[in-house]
Amino acid sequence: MGQSTSTPNHPHQHHRRHPSSSAAVASLTLLRPKSSPTHFLVDDAPPVSRTGPDPSRIATGDASPPPDYISAIPDECLALVFQFLGTGDRDRCSQVSRRWKLVEGQSRHRLNLNAQSDLLPHIPSIFARFDSVTKLALRCNRRLTSIGDEALVLISVKCRNLMRLKLRSCREITDAGMAEFAKNCRVLRKLSCGSCIFGAKGMNAVLDNCSSLEELSVKRLRGLTDGAAAEPIGPGSAASSLKTICLKELYNGQCFGPLLIGSRNLRTLRLFRCSGDWDRLLQLMSDRVSGVVEVHLEKIQVGDVGLSSLSNFPNLEILHLVKTVECTNFGLVAVAERCKLLRKLHIDGCKAKRIGDEGLSAVAKHCPNLQELVLMGVNPTKSSLDLLASNCLNLERLALCGSDTVGDAEISCIAGKCIALKKLCIKSCPVSNEAMEALASGCPSLVKVKVKKCRNVTCDIADWLKASRGSLSVNLDSGEQEHVDAGASDGGVPDNGVEFPPMFAQTAAASTSGIASSSSGPSRSSLFKSRLGILSGKSLVACTFRKWSQGGGVS
């Protein structure tokens, strides 16, 4: 299980030190037996001093080796020390002695395994050493054969106290394997599965046997039957304990309807890119579940009926509406009028222009606790922004992206009235230097400003804003390189006007990969002209070199 080492051939050759990250998740890679020499474990006997007796002890007539204080450290304290080490350091510590290896194995609670089919014969030895694992991740490359039911059942027998399980691309695990696993791991609290092939029977087995399940995340579950013949999932005994449900990229996510409706203590619901009409299901769910505090809806078919039903969640604090193009001001007004505890609101209108001043004004009037507002593809005007700035006195984070109506007047209104604002992001809006000047004297709590793809904002005004407010972090990306010809954009030039060196890195990579061929892309001359076109923007070069001269580097 450990890493093998080799003796250097040259006496002056030094060992390399491998850096390790303290935040890394403990992982274990399955290694085949090798004929190369491996580490030898040292017995727990007191080690022999390599430097000889202490001269001061010789002077007193005591030539015995110094005491071994490390061996006196209790196992509990040693295990606590191991908890602060990264994966590499823990592996190296386990090779110090048999005692350290035992303590390290018993104190490791999180394990990440490469779940290929050849893992099966090694499972007994792995979990004999790591017998206290409570968090397990099993991942397999999609091109390889994963472990099957036999391996999963064997793991469940060895880890009956397993509390968290993550399955990724384990396509050989069936409903039968999940059923046996659920019977052995009844204290499971979190299950996350993605790109697996088991279906409703396996999922129902987990819900029936794992009564302590609190979090369920399902992504691309291939075994779900599509259409009217789909077997319903839930509610099961876990419905009373579930607090978070996340469904992603499911062809028939509506089969989880009984589980959603029966999870009376649910607090977080996330639906991402799941096909089908969700209005009716959300309506039924909101009539029976009232404690939801967080809802994420992204690229699903939901309209004002489903959005209005969220108003039955009086404790709702976080709402994300991402590219739900059928939602309008009507649904948002219904939510704002009854969900007065709303703290975070994210709306990506996808340029549909169905949510605007009317819905945002309702949020401003009824949700005074709003702290974070993100508007993408939404066109608010000065009237709704003025209400938000005046009524939402706790607003700390504001992002305005892709709005055609947010100009200098709107930013000046925000600068004059948002006294609690700390972070402001403006992207692809028709603002100019005048808006930046307003920020210099407004928003006293402001600590960070990010301006991207606002071409009327120059680098000079950004530098002036930094100088006028020394503690303010200003991140400017004017997006001026988008003026170059199509040959440059086709070559993959990034759209960040400040990040100068990556342009050369990408164009160099493109030229070496065969882009210069006339049959597959732009010619050498057009590519050369595109590079000259990038360099021709005087303001871009001036801004870049000014940033380098100030020691800021390239972000």
Protein backbone atom coordinates (compact mmCIF):
# COMPACT_ATOMS: atom_id res chain seq x y z
CA MET A 1 0.00 0.00 0.00
CA GLY A 2 2.89 2.35 0.54
CA GLN A 3 5.21 3.81 -2.02
CA SER A 4 8.44 2.02 -2.86
CA THR A 5 11.75 3.80 -2.75
CA SER A 6 15.03 3.14 -4.57
CA THR A 7 18.59 3.77 -3.51
CA PRO A 8 20.39 6.47 -5.53
CA ASN A 9 23.25 5.19 -7.70
CA HIS A 10 25.50 8.18 -7.12
CA PRO A 11 26.66 8.95 -3.58
CA HIS A 12 26.08 12.69 -4.07
CA GLN A 13 22.58 12.31 -5.49
CA HIS A 14 19.97 13.73 -3.15
CA HIS A 15 16.50 12.46 -2.45
CA ARG A 16 13.66 14.53 -3.82
CA ARG A 17 11.10 15.90 -1.43
CA HIS A 18 7.52 15.55 -2.60
CA PRO A 19 5.26 18.37 -1.42
CA SER A 20 1.91 17.38 0.02
CA SER A 21 -1.30 19.36 0.53
CA SER A 22 -2.81 19.41 4.01
CA ALA A 23 -6.25 19.90 2.47
CA ALA A 24 -6.01 16.86 0.19
CA VAL A 25 -8.58 14.14 0.63
CA ALA A 26 -7.07 10.90 1.85
CA SER A 27 -6.82 8.56 -1.11
CA LEU A 28 -5.59 5.08 -1.77
CA THR A 29 -4.34 3.81 -5.13
CA LEU A 30 -4.42 0.14 -5.89
CA LEU A 31 -0.87 -1.04 -6.64
CA ARG A 32 0.09 -4.35 -8.18
CA PRO A 33 2.79 -6.39 -6.43
CA LYS A 34 6.25 -5.33 -7.53
CA SER A 35 9.60 -7.03 -7.34
CA SER A 36 11.36 -3.81 -6.41
CA PRO A 37 12.48 -3.34 -2.79
CA THR A 38 9.93 -1.81 -0.43
CA HIS A 39 10.08 -0.03 2.89
CA PHE A 40 10.93 -2.12 5.92
CA LEU A 41 8.90 -1.47 9.03
CA VAL A 42 10.78 -0.88 12.24
CA ASP A 43 9.76 -2.68 15.40
CA ASP A 44 8.40 -0.67 18.27
CA ALA A 45 11.56 -1.21 20.26
CA PRO A 46 13.38 1.99 21.27
CA PRO A 47 15.40 3.16 18.26
CA VAL A 48 19.18 3.15 18.34
CA SER A 49 20.69 6.62 18.33
CA ARG A 50 22.51 7.36 15.05
CA THR A 51 24.46 10.30 16.37
CA GLY A 52 25.93 8.54 19.37
CA PRO A 53 25.52 9.35 23.03
CA ASP A 54 25.07 12.93 24.13
CA PRO A 55 28.52 14.41 25.12
CA SER A 56 26.99 15.93 28.25
CA ARG A 57 25.76 12.48 29.29
CA ILE A 58 29.26 11.01 28.67
CA ALA A 59 30.77 13.66 30.93
CA THR A 60 28.47 12.52 33.74
CA GLY A 61 29.28 8.87 33.11
CA ASP A 62 25.93 8.08 31.47
CA ALA A 63 26.57 6.68 27.97
CA SER A 64 23.08 5.22 27.43
CA PRO A 65 21.02 6.38 24.44
CA PRO A 66 18.68 9.35 25.00
CA PRO A 67 15.09 8.52 25.99
CA ASP A 68 12.54 7.97 23.20
CA TYR A 69 9.85 10.53 23.96
CA ILE A 70 7.89 9.78 20.77
CA SER A 71 7.15 6.23 21.89
CA ALA A 72 5.56 7.67 25.01
CA ILE A 73 2.90 9.54 22.99
CA PRO A 74 -0.48 7.86 23.50
CA ASP A 75 -2.20 6.40 20.46
CA GLU A 76 -5.05 8.88 20.80
CA CYS A 77 -2.68 11.87 20.60
CA LEU A 78 -0.80 10.32 17.69
CA ALA A 79 -4.06 9.81 15.80
CA LEU A 80 -4.96 13.45 16.43
CA VAL A 81 -1.64 14.56 14.94
CA PHE A 82 -2.28 12.43 11.85
CA GLN A 83 -5.59 14.22 11.29
CA PHE A 84 -3.68 17.44 10.49
CA LEU A 85 -1.49 15.80 7.82
CA GLY A 86 -2.10 15.42 4.12
CA THR A 87 -2.30 12.15 2.26
CA GLY A 88 1.39 11.92 1.36
CA ASP A 89 2.58 12.74 4.86
CA ARG A 90 0.22 10.19 6.37
CA ASP A 91 1.48 7.51 4.00
CA ARG A 92 5.08 8.27 4.95
CA CYS A 93 4.26 8.29 8.66
CA SER A 94 2.65 4.86 8.32
CA GLN A 95 6.06 3.50 7.23
CA VAL A 96 7.90 4.59 10.36
CA SER A 97 6.89 1.64 12.52
CA ARG A 98 4.25 -1.02 12.93
CA ARG A 99 2.61 0.99 15.68
CA TRP A 100 2.39 4.13 13.54
CA LYS A 101 0.98 2.12 10.65
CA LEU A 102 -1.69 0.63 12.90
CA VAL A 103 -2.66 3.97 14.44
CA GLU A 104 -2.71 5.72 11.08
CA GLY A 105 -4.94 3.07 9.55
CA GLN A 106 -7.37 3.06 12.45
CA SER A 107 -7.61 6.86 12.47
CA ARG A 108 -8.28 7.29 8.75
CA HIS A 109 -12.00 7.85 8.25
CA ARG A 110 -12.05 8.92 4.59
CA LEU A 111 -10.97 6.73 1.69
CA ASN A 112 -10.93 7.25 -2.06
CA LEU A 113 -10.57 4.10 -4.16
CA ASN A 114 -10.05 3.53 -7.84
CA ALA A 115 -13.02 1.24 -8.36
CA GLN A 116 -11.80 -0.89 -11.27
CA SER A 117 -12.76 -4.52 -11.49
CA ASP A 118 -9.35 -5.73 -10.25
CA LEU A 119 -9.98 -4.07 -6.89
CA LEU A 120 -12.03 -7.06 -5.70
CA PRO A 121 -9.20 -9.36 -4.42
CA HIS A 122 -7.61 -6.49 -2.50
CA ILE A 123 -10.72 -5.40 -0.59
CA PRO A 124 -10.16 -7.64 2.48
CA SER A 125 -6.60 -6.40 3.04
CA ILE A 126 -7.51 -2.77 2.42
CA PHE A 127 -10.32 -2.69 4.94
CA ALA A 128 -8.39 -4.83 7.41
CA ARG A 129 -5.98 -1.94 7.69
CA PHE A 130 -8.49 0.90 7.32
CA ASP A 131 -11.16 -0.51 9.58
CA SER A 132 -12.63 2.83 10.71
CA VAL A 133 -13.67 4.23 7.34
CA THR A 134 -16.93 6.18 7.45
CA LYS A 135 -16.59 8.16 4.17
CA LEU A 136 -15.91 6.20 1.00
CA ALA A 137 -15.60 7.28 -2.63
CA LEU A 138 -15.55 4.70 -5.43
CA ARG A 139 -14.60 6.15 -8.82
CA CYS A 140 -13.92 4.39 -12.08
CA ASN A 141 -12.80 5.58 -15.48
CA ARG A 142 -15.69 5.45 -17.92
CA ARG A 143 -13.56 3.52 -20.42
CA LEU A 144 -12.74 0.76 -17.92
CA THR A 145 -14.75 -1.97 -16.25
CA SER A 146 -15.81 -1.05 -12.74
CA ILE A 147 -16.37 -3.17 -9.67
CA GLY A 148 -19.62 -5.12 -9.53
CA ASP A 149 -22.12 -6.30 -6.97
CA GLU A 150 -19.73 -8.76 -5.32
CA ALA A 151 -17.18 -6.07 -4.51
CA LEU A 152 -19.80 -3.61 -3.27
CA VAL A 153 -21.37 -6.19 -0.97
CA LEU A 154 -17.95 -7.18 0.38
CA ILE A 155 -17.19 -3.53 1.13
CA SER A 156 -20.52 -3.16 2.92
CA VAL A 157 -19.70 -6.15 5.11
CA LYS A 158 -16.32 -4.65 6.04
CA CYS A 159 -17.72 -1.10 6.55
CA ARG A 160 -21.00 -1.47 8.38
CA ASN A 161 -20.53 1.95 9.96
CA LEU A 162 -20.24 3.68 6.60
CA MET A 163 -21.96 7.07 6.71
CA ARG A 164 -21.09 8.58 3.30
CA LEU A 165 -20.81 6.84 -0.06
CA LYS A 166 -19.96 8.34 -3.45
CA LEU A 167 -20.25 6.24 -6.61
CA ARG A 168 -18.92 7.51 -9.94
CA SER A 169 -19.18 5.54 -13.19
CA CYS A 170 -19.62 2.21 -11.40
CA ARG A 171 -21.61 0.71 -14.25
CA GLU A 172 -21.39 -2.91 -13.15
CA ILE A 173 -23.34 -2.32 -9.93
CA THR A 174 -26.97 -3.43 -10.30
CA ASP A 175 -30.16 -3.16 -8.27
CA ALA A 176 -29.32 -6.41 -6.48
CA GLY A 177 -25.94 -5.09 -5.33
CA MET A 178 -27.44 -1.84 -4.04
CA ALA A 179 -30.11 -3.80 -2.17
CA GLU A 180 -27.52 -5.94 -0.35
CA PHE A 181 -25.38 -2.89 0.36
CA ALA A 182 -28.33 -1.05 1.90
CA LYS A 183 -29.10 -3.97 4.22
CA ASN A 184 -25.54 -3.94 5.59
CA CYS A 185 -24.99 -0.15 5.83
CA ARG A 186 -28.12 1.00 7.60
CA VAL A 187 -26.49 4.05 9.20
CA LEU A 188 -25.73 5.65 5.82
CA ARG A 189 -26.39 9.39 5.92
CA LYS A 190 -25.21 10.62 2.52
CA LEU A 191 -25.41 8.93 -0.89
CA SER A 192 -24.11 10.47 -4.10
CA CYS A 193 -24.20 8.48 -7.32
CA GLY A 194 -23.40 9.54 -10.87
CA SER A 195 -23.29 7.69 -14.20
CA CYS A 196 -24.43 4.39 -12.67
CA ILE A 197 -26.83 1.89 -14.25
CA PHE A 198 -28.93 0.63 -11.33
CA GLY A 199 -32.48 1.88 -11.26
CA ALA A 200 -35.54 2.41 -9.12
CA LYS A 201 -35.32 -0.93 -7.28
CA GLY A 202 -31.81 -0.20 -6.02
CA MET A 203 -32.72 3.34 -5.02
CA ASN A 204 -35.86 2.19 -3.20
CA ALA A 205 -33.80 -0.40 -1.32
CA VAL A 206 -31.56 2.37 0.00
CA LEU A 207 -34.54 4.51 1.02
CA ASP A 208 -36.22 1.56 2.75
CA ASN A 209 -33.19 0.37 4.74
CA CYS A 210 -31.20 3.54 5.45
CA SER A 211 -33.57 5.37 7.76
CA SER A 212 -30.88 7.92 8.74
CA LEU A 213 -30.24 9.14 5.19
CA GLU A 214 -30.00 12.94 5.18
CA GLU A 215 -28.58 13.83 1.76
CA LEU A 216 -29.26 12.25 -1.62
CA SER A 217 -27.60 13.32 -4.87
CA VAL A 218 -28.39 11.53 -8.13
CA LYS A 219 -26.85 12.36 -11.50
CA ARG A 220 -27.32 10.55 -14.81
CA LEU A 221 -28.83 7.41 -13.34
CA ARG A 222 -29.11 5.23 -16.45
CA GLY A 223 -31.32 2.52 -14.98
CA LEU A 224 -34.45 4.67 -14.63
CA THR A 225 -37.24 3.60 -16.96
CA ASP A 226 -38.60 6.38 -19.11
CA GLY A 227 -42.28 7.02 -19.71
CA ALA A 228 -45.41 5.83 -17.94
CA ALA A 229 -43.86 2.47 -17.06
CA ALA A 230 -41.35 4.10 -14.72
CA GLU A 231 -41.34 2.68 -11.22
CA PRO A 232 -41.91 5.39 -8.57
CA ILE A 233 -39.11 6.06 -6.12
CA GLY A 234 -39.81 6.65 -2.44
CA PRO A 235 -40.80 7.71 -0.01
CA GLY A 236 -39.41 4.88 2.14
CA SER A 237 -38.24 5.09 5.73
CA ALA A 238 -35.59 7.67 4.82
CA ALA A 239 -38.19 10.28 3.85
CA SER A 240 -38.51 11.48 7.44
CA SER A 241 -34.76 12.15 7.75
CA LEU A 242 -33.89 13.53 4.29
CA LYS A 243 -32.82 17.18 4.36
CA THR A 244 -31.21 17.60 0.91
CA ILE A 245 -32.23 16.19 -2.47
CA CYS A 246 -30.27 16.96 -5.64
CA LEU A 247 -31.33 15.60 -9.04
CA LYS A 248 -29.16 16.23 -12.12
CA GLU A 249 -29.54 15.33 -15.77
CA LEU A 250 -32.25 12.71 -15.38
CA TYR A 251 -34.48 11.67 -18.26
CA ASN A 252 -37.34 10.84 -15.92
CA GLY A 253 -36.74 12.73 -12.72
CA GLN A 254 -40.49 12.83 -12.04
CA CYS A 255 -40.27 9.25 -10.78
CA PHE A 256 -38.75 10.78 -7.62
CA GLY A 257 -42.10 12.51 -7.04
CA PRO A 258 -43.22 10.29 -4.12
CA LEU A 259 -39.90 10.93 -2.40
CA LEU A 260 -40.14 14.71 -2.87
CA ILE A 261 -43.71 14.81 -1.64
CA GLY A 262 -43.03 12.53 1.33
CA SER A 263 -39.86 14.25 2.59
CA ARG A 264 -41.56 16.38 5.23
CA ASN A 265 -38.28 17.64 6.74
CA LEU A 266 -36.64 18.58 3.45
CA ARG A 267 -34.65 21.82 3.57
CA THR A 268 -32.75 21.94 0.26
CA LEU A 269 -34.02 21.04 -3.21
CA ARG A 270 -31.81 21.22 -6.32
CA LEU A 271 -33.06 20.33 -9.79
CA PHE A 272 -30.59 20.63 -12.68
CA ARG A 273 -31.34 19.87 -16.34
CA CYS A 274 -34.01 17.26 -15.67
CA SER A 275 -36.50 16.71 -18.49
CA GLY A 276 -40.27 16.84 -18.10
CA ASP A 277 -42.80 19.32 -16.75
CA TRP A 278 -42.15 20.16 -13.10
CA ASP A 279 -45.02 22.57 -12.38
CA ARG A 280 -47.46 20.00 -11.08
CA LEU A 281 -44.91 18.12 -8.99
CA LEU A 282 -43.65 21.31 -7.32
CA GLN A 283 -47.23 22.28 -6.60
CA LEU A 284 -47.99 18.94 -4.92
CA MET A 285 -44.75 19.05 -2.99
CA SER A 286 -45.28 22.57 -1.65
CA ASP A 287 -48.71 21.56 -0.29
CA ARG A 288 -47.11 18.93 1.97
CA VAL A 289 -43.59 20.21 2.66
CA SER A 290 -43.17 23.59 4.32
CA GLY A 291 -39.66 23.73 5.80
CA VAL A 292 -37.63 24.23 2.60
CA VAL A 293 -35.05 27.03 2.90
CA GLU A 294 -33.08 26.61 -0.35
CA VAL A 295 -34.25 25.93 -3.92
CA HIS A 296 -32.12 25.68 -7.09
CA LEU A 297 -33.90 25.35 -10.44
CA GLU A 298 -31.66 25.23 -13.52
CA LYS A 299 -32.67 24.51 -17.11
CA ILE A 300 -35.88 22.69 -16.23
CA GLN A 301 -39.36 23.12 -17.61
CA VAL A 302 -41.08 25.17 -14.93
CA GLY A 303 -43.35 28.18 -15.23
CA ASP A 304 -45.22 30.55 -12.97
CA VAL A 305 -47.35 27.72 -11.57
CA GLY A 306 -44.30 25.94 -10.19
CA LEU A 307 -42.55 29.16 -9.20
CA SER A 308 -45.63 30.49 -7.39
CA SER A 309 -45.91 27.22 -5.48
CA LEU A 310 -42.57 28.01 -3.84
CA SER A 311 -44.36 30.79 -1.98
CA ASN A 312 -45.70 28.04 0.30
CA PHE A 313 -42.17 27.85 1.76
CA PRO A 314 -42.33 30.72 4.28
CA ASN A 315 -38.77 30.00 5.48
CA LEU A 316 -37.23 30.19 2.00
CA GLU A 317 -33.88 32.00 2.17
CA ILE A 318 -32.04 31.03 -1.04
CA LEU A 319 -33.55 30.92 -4.52
CA HIS A 320 -31.70 30.25 -7.79
CA LEU A 321 -33.57 30.54 -11.10
CA VAL A 322 -31.15 29.70 -13.91
CA LYS A 323 -32.46 29.70 -17.48
CA THR A 324 -36.01 28.89 -16.48
CA VAL A 325 -37.33 30.88 -19.42
CA GLU A 326 -41.03 30.31 -18.67
CA CYS A 327 -40.87 32.08 -15.30
CA THR A 328 -42.13 35.66 -15.31
CA ASN A 329 -42.66 38.60 -12.96
CA PHE A 330 -45.94 37.04 -11.81
CA GLY A 331 -44.24 34.05 -10.21
CA LEU A 332 -41.45 36.12 -8.66
CA VAL A 333 -43.95 38.55 -7.13
CA ALA A 334 -45.83 35.63 -5.54
CA VAL A 335 -42.60 34.33 -3.99
CA ALA A 336 -41.48 37.77 -2.77
CA GLU A 337 -44.81 38.56 -1.08
CA ARG A 338 -44.77 35.43 1.11
CA CYS A 339 -41.07 34.52 1.43
CA LYS A 340 -39.98 37.53 3.46
CA LEU A 341 -36.83 35.83 4.80
CA LEU A 342 -35.18 35.66 1.37
CA ARG A 343 -31.41 36.33 1.67
CA LYS A 344 -29.95 35.21 -1.67
CA LEU A 345 -31.57 35.57 -5.07
CA HIS A 346 -29.91 34.48 -8.33
CA ILE A 347 -31.76 35.01 -11.61
CA ASP A 348 -30.38 34.09 -15.03
CA GLY A 349 -33.08 35.34 -17.39
CA CYS A 350 -31.27 34.13 -20.49
CA LYS A 351 -32.29 37.36 -22.28
CA ALA A 352 -35.93 36.24 -22.17
CA LYS A 353 -36.96 39.61 -20.65
CA ARG A 354 -39.77 37.99 -18.65
CA ILE A 355 -38.45 39.10 -15.28
CA GLY A 356 -37.76 42.78 -14.77
CA ASP A 357 -38.71 45.82 -12.72
CA GLU A 358 -42.05 44.47 -11.50
CA GLY A 359 -40.59 41.33 -9.94
CA LEU A 360 -37.50 43.06 -8.56
CA SER A 361 -39.60 45.85 -7.05
CA ALA A 362 -41.66 43.24 -5.22
CA VAL A 363 -38.46 41.70 -3.87
CA ALA A 364 -37.30 45.13 -2.70
CA LYS A 365 -40.60 45.82 -0.91
CA HIS A 366 -41.09 42.47 0.82
CA CYS A 367 -37.59 41.02 1.35
CA PRO A 368 -35.62 43.46 3.53
CA ASN A 369 -33.12 40.76 4.57
CA LEU A 370 -31.71 40.37 1.05
CA GLN A 371 -27.92 40.08 1.21
CA GLU A 372 -26.97 38.74 -2.22
CA LEU A 373 -28.50 39.53 -5.60
CA VAL A 374 -27.21 38.17 -8.93
CA LEU A 375 -28.97 39.26 -12.13
CA MET A 376 -27.87 37.79 -15.47
CA GLY A 377 -29.72 38.57 -18.67
CA VAL A 378 -32.19 40.69 -16.69
CA ASN A 379 -32.87 44.35 -17.53
CA PRO A 380 -33.57 46.28 -14.33
CA THR A 381 -33.95 50.04 -14.50
CA LYS A 382 -33.13 52.80 -12.07
CA SER A 383 -36.56 52.57 -10.44
CA SER A 384 -36.22 48.95 -9.26
CA LEU A 385 -32.53 49.36 -8.36
CA ASP A 386 -33.39 52.44 -6.34
CA LEU A 387 -35.98 50.46 -4.36
CA LEU A 388 -33.52 47.64 -3.78
CA ALA A 389 -30.83 50.04 -2.58
CA SER A 390 -33.25 51.91 -0.31
CA ASN A 391 -35.12 48.97 1.25
CA CYS A 392 -32.55 46.16 1.30
CA LEU A 393 -30.10 47.75 3.72
CA ASN A 394 -28.25 44.47 4.27
CA LEU A 395 -27.36 43.99 0.59
CA GLU A 396 -23.67 43.02 0.57
CA ARG A 397 -23.10 41.31 -2.80
CA LEU A 398 -24.50 42.50 -6.13
CA ALA A 399 -23.81 41.21 -9.64
CA LEU A 400 -25.24 42.77 -12.80
CA CYS A 401 -24.36 40.81 -15.95
CA GLY A 402 -25.53 41.13 -19.52
CA SER A 403 -27.99 43.93 -18.83
CA ASP A 404 -28.78 46.50 -21.53
CA THR A 405 -30.39 48.93 -19.09
CA VAL A 406 -27.69 49.20 -16.41
CA GLY A 407 -25.70 52.33 -17.18
CA ASP A 408 -23.97 55.15 -15.35
CA ALA A 409 -27.16 56.44 -13.75
CA GLU A 410 -28.02 53.04 -12.28
CA ILE A 411 -24.51 52.48 -10.90
CA SER A 412 -24.52 56.00 -9.43
CA CYS A 413 -27.79 55.18 -7.69
CA ILE A 414 -26.25 52.02 -6.22
CA ALA A 415 -23.14 53.92 -5.14
CA GLY A 416 -25.18 56.53 -3.32
CA LYS A 417 -27.57 54.25 -1.43
CA CYS A 418 -26.03 50.78 -0.92
CA ILE A 419 -24.18 51.52 2.29
CA ALA A 420 -23.62 47.84 3.18
CA LEU A 421 -22.44 46.71 -0.25
CA LYS A 422 -19.08 44.90 -0.09
CA LYS A 423 -18.72 43.22 -3.49
CA LEU A 424 -19.92 44.52 -6.85
CA CYS A 425 -19.62 42.76 -10.21
CA ILE A 426 -20.54 44.45 -13.50
CA LYS A 427 -20.26 42.48 -16.73
CA SER A 428 -21.26 43.37 -20.28
CA CYS A 429 -23.21 46.46 -19.26
CA PRO A 430 -23.17 49.91 -20.98
CA VAL A 431 -21.33 51.68 -18.16
CA SER A 432 -18.45 54.13 -18.54
CA ASN A 433 -15.84 55.91 -16.45
CA GLU A 434 -18.57 58.04 -14.92
CA ALA A 435 -19.91 55.01 -13.06
CA MET A 436 -16.45 54.25 -11.70
CA GLU A 437 -16.12 57.83 -10.48
CA ALA A 438 -19.38 57.43 -8.57
CA LEU A 439 -18.00 54.36 -6.82
CA ALA A 440 -15.01 56.35 -5.61
CA SER A 441 -17.20 58.33 -3.21
CA GLY A 442 -20.05 55.87 -2.63
CA CYS A 443 -20.57 52.45 -1.04
CA PRO A 444 -18.45 53.03 2.09
CA SER A 445 -18.26 49.28 2.85
CA LEU A 446 -17.09 48.30 -0.64
CA VAL A 447 -14.01 46.04 -0.69
CA LYS A 448 -14.04 44.54 -4.20
CA VAL A 449 -15.18 45.68 -7.63
CA LYS A 450 -15.03 43.50 -10.73
CA VAL A 451 -15.73 45.03 -14.14
CA LYS A 452 -15.66 42.75 -17.17
CA LYS A 453 -16.42 43.38 -20.84
CA CYS A 454 -17.52 46.97 -20.25
CA ARG A 455 -15.62 48.58 -23.11
CA ASN A 456 -16.29 52.17 -22.12
CA VAL A 457 -14.39 51.70 -18.86
CA THR A 458 -10.69 52.39 -19.33
CA CYS A 459 -7.65 51.15 -17.47
CA ASP A 460 -6.80 54.69 -16.38
CA ILE A 461 -10.02 55.11 -14.42
CA ALA A 462 -9.48 51.71 -12.80
CA ASP A 463 -6.03 52.78 -11.62
CA TRP A 464 -7.47 56.06 -10.38
CA LEU A 465 -10.17 54.22 -8.45
CA LYS A 466 -7.54 52.03 -6.79
CA ALA A 467 -5.51 55.08 -5.83
CA SER A 468 -8.49 56.98 -4.47
CA ARG A 469 -9.61 54.04 -2.31
CA GLY A 470 -6.48 52.23 -1.25
CA SER A 471 -8.27 49.32 0.43
CA LEU A 472 -10.49 48.65 -2.60
CA SER A 473 -9.67 45.72 -4.89
CA VAL A 474 -10.43 46.56 -8.53
CA ASN A 475 -10.44 43.87 -11.21
CA LEU A 476 -10.87 45.23 -14.72
CA ASP A 477 -11.27 43.24 -17.94
CA SER A 478 -12.27 45.54 -20.78
CA GLY A 479 -12.58 42.77 -23.39
CA GLU A 480 -10.96 44.95 -26.08
CA GLN A 481 -9.34 42.04 -27.90
CA GLU A 482 -12.72 41.07 -29.29
CA HIS A 483 -12.14 43.76 -31.99
CA VAL A 484 -9.57 41.56 -33.77
CA ASP A 485 -10.45 39.67 -36.91
CA ALA A 486 -12.22 36.33 -36.95
CA GLY A 487 -9.02 34.45 -37.58
CA ALA A 488 -7.78 35.35 -34.12
CA SER A 489 -11.01 34.40 -32.37
CA ASP A 490 -11.16 31.09 -34.19
CA GLY A 491 -7.71 30.32 -32.89
CA GLY A 492 -9.01 30.25 -29.33
CA VAL A 493 -7.74 33.59 -28.04
CA PRO A 494 -9.17 34.17 -24.54
CA ASP A 495 -11.58 37.06 -24.03
CA ASN A 496 -9.74 38.54 -21.09
CA GLY A 497 -8.09 41.81 -22.11
CA VAL A 498 -5.73 41.90 -19.12
CA GLU A 499 -4.38 38.35 -19.28
CA PHE A 500 -1.61 39.02 -21.79
CA PRO A 501 0.80 36.03 -21.74
CA PRO A 502 -1.86 33.28 -22.16
CA MET A 503 -2.61 34.68 -25.62
CA PHE A 504 0.86 33.70 -26.81
CA ALA A 505 0.63 30.38 -25.00
CA GLN A 506 -2.58 29.43 -26.76
CA THR A 507 -1.55 30.66 -30.20
CA ALA A 508 1.75 28.81 -29.89
CA ALA A 509 -0.10 25.65 -28.91
CA ALA A 510 -2.49 26.12 -31.80
CA SER A 511 0.34 26.52 -34.31
CA THR A 512 2.06 23.35 -33.13
CA SER A 513 -1.20 21.35 -33.37
CA GLY A 514 -1.59 21.91 -37.08
CA ILE A 515 -3.77 25.00 -37.27
CA ALA A 516 -1.44 26.49 -39.84
CA SER A 517 -2.76 24.04 -42.44
CA SER A 518 -4.92 25.83 -44.99
CA SER A 519 -7.37 22.95 -45.17
CA SER A 520 -8.20 22.86 -41.43
CA GLY A 521 -7.99 26.47 -40.26
CA PRO A 522 -6.58 29.95 -40.89
CA SER A 523 -3.32 30.31 -42.81
CA ARG A 524 0.02 31.27 -41.35
CA SER A 525 -0.33 34.83 -42.61
CA SER A 526 -3.80 35.31 -41.09
CA LEU A 527 -2.60 33.87 -37.79
CA PHE A 528 0.37 36.25 -37.85
CA LYS A 529 -1.92 39.17 -38.61
CA SER A 530 -4.19 38.19 -35.75
CA ARG A 531 -1.24 38.31 -33.37
CA LEU A 532 -0.36 41.77 -34.65
CA GLY A 533 -3.99 42.76 -34.25
CA ILE A 534 -3.88 41.74 -30.60
CA LEU A 535 -0.82 43.87 -30.02
CA SER A 536 -2.23 46.87 -31.88
CA GLY A 537 -4.56 47.93 -29.05
CA LYS A 538 -2.56 50.63 -27.31
CA SER A 539 -4.79 50.77 -24.27
CA LEU A 540 -4.52 46.99 -23.81
CA VAL A 541 -0.72 47.00 -23.92
CA ALA A 542 -0.52 50.10 -21.73
CA CYS A 543 -2.85 48.57 -19.16
CA THR A 544 -0.91 45.31 -19.16
CA PHE A 545 2.53 46.82 -18.78
CA ARG A 546 1.28 49.26 -16.17
CA LYS A 547 0.04 46.30 -14.15
CA TRP A 548 3.40 44.54 -14.49
CA SER A 549 5.31 47.66 -13.49
CA GLN A 550 3.27 47.91 -10.32
CA GLY A 551 4.27 44.39 -9.38
CA GLY A 552 0.76 43.01 -9.68
CA GLY A 553 1.65 40.29 -12.18
CA VAL A 554 -0.95 38.63 -14.30
CA SER A 555 -3.96 37.16 -12.61
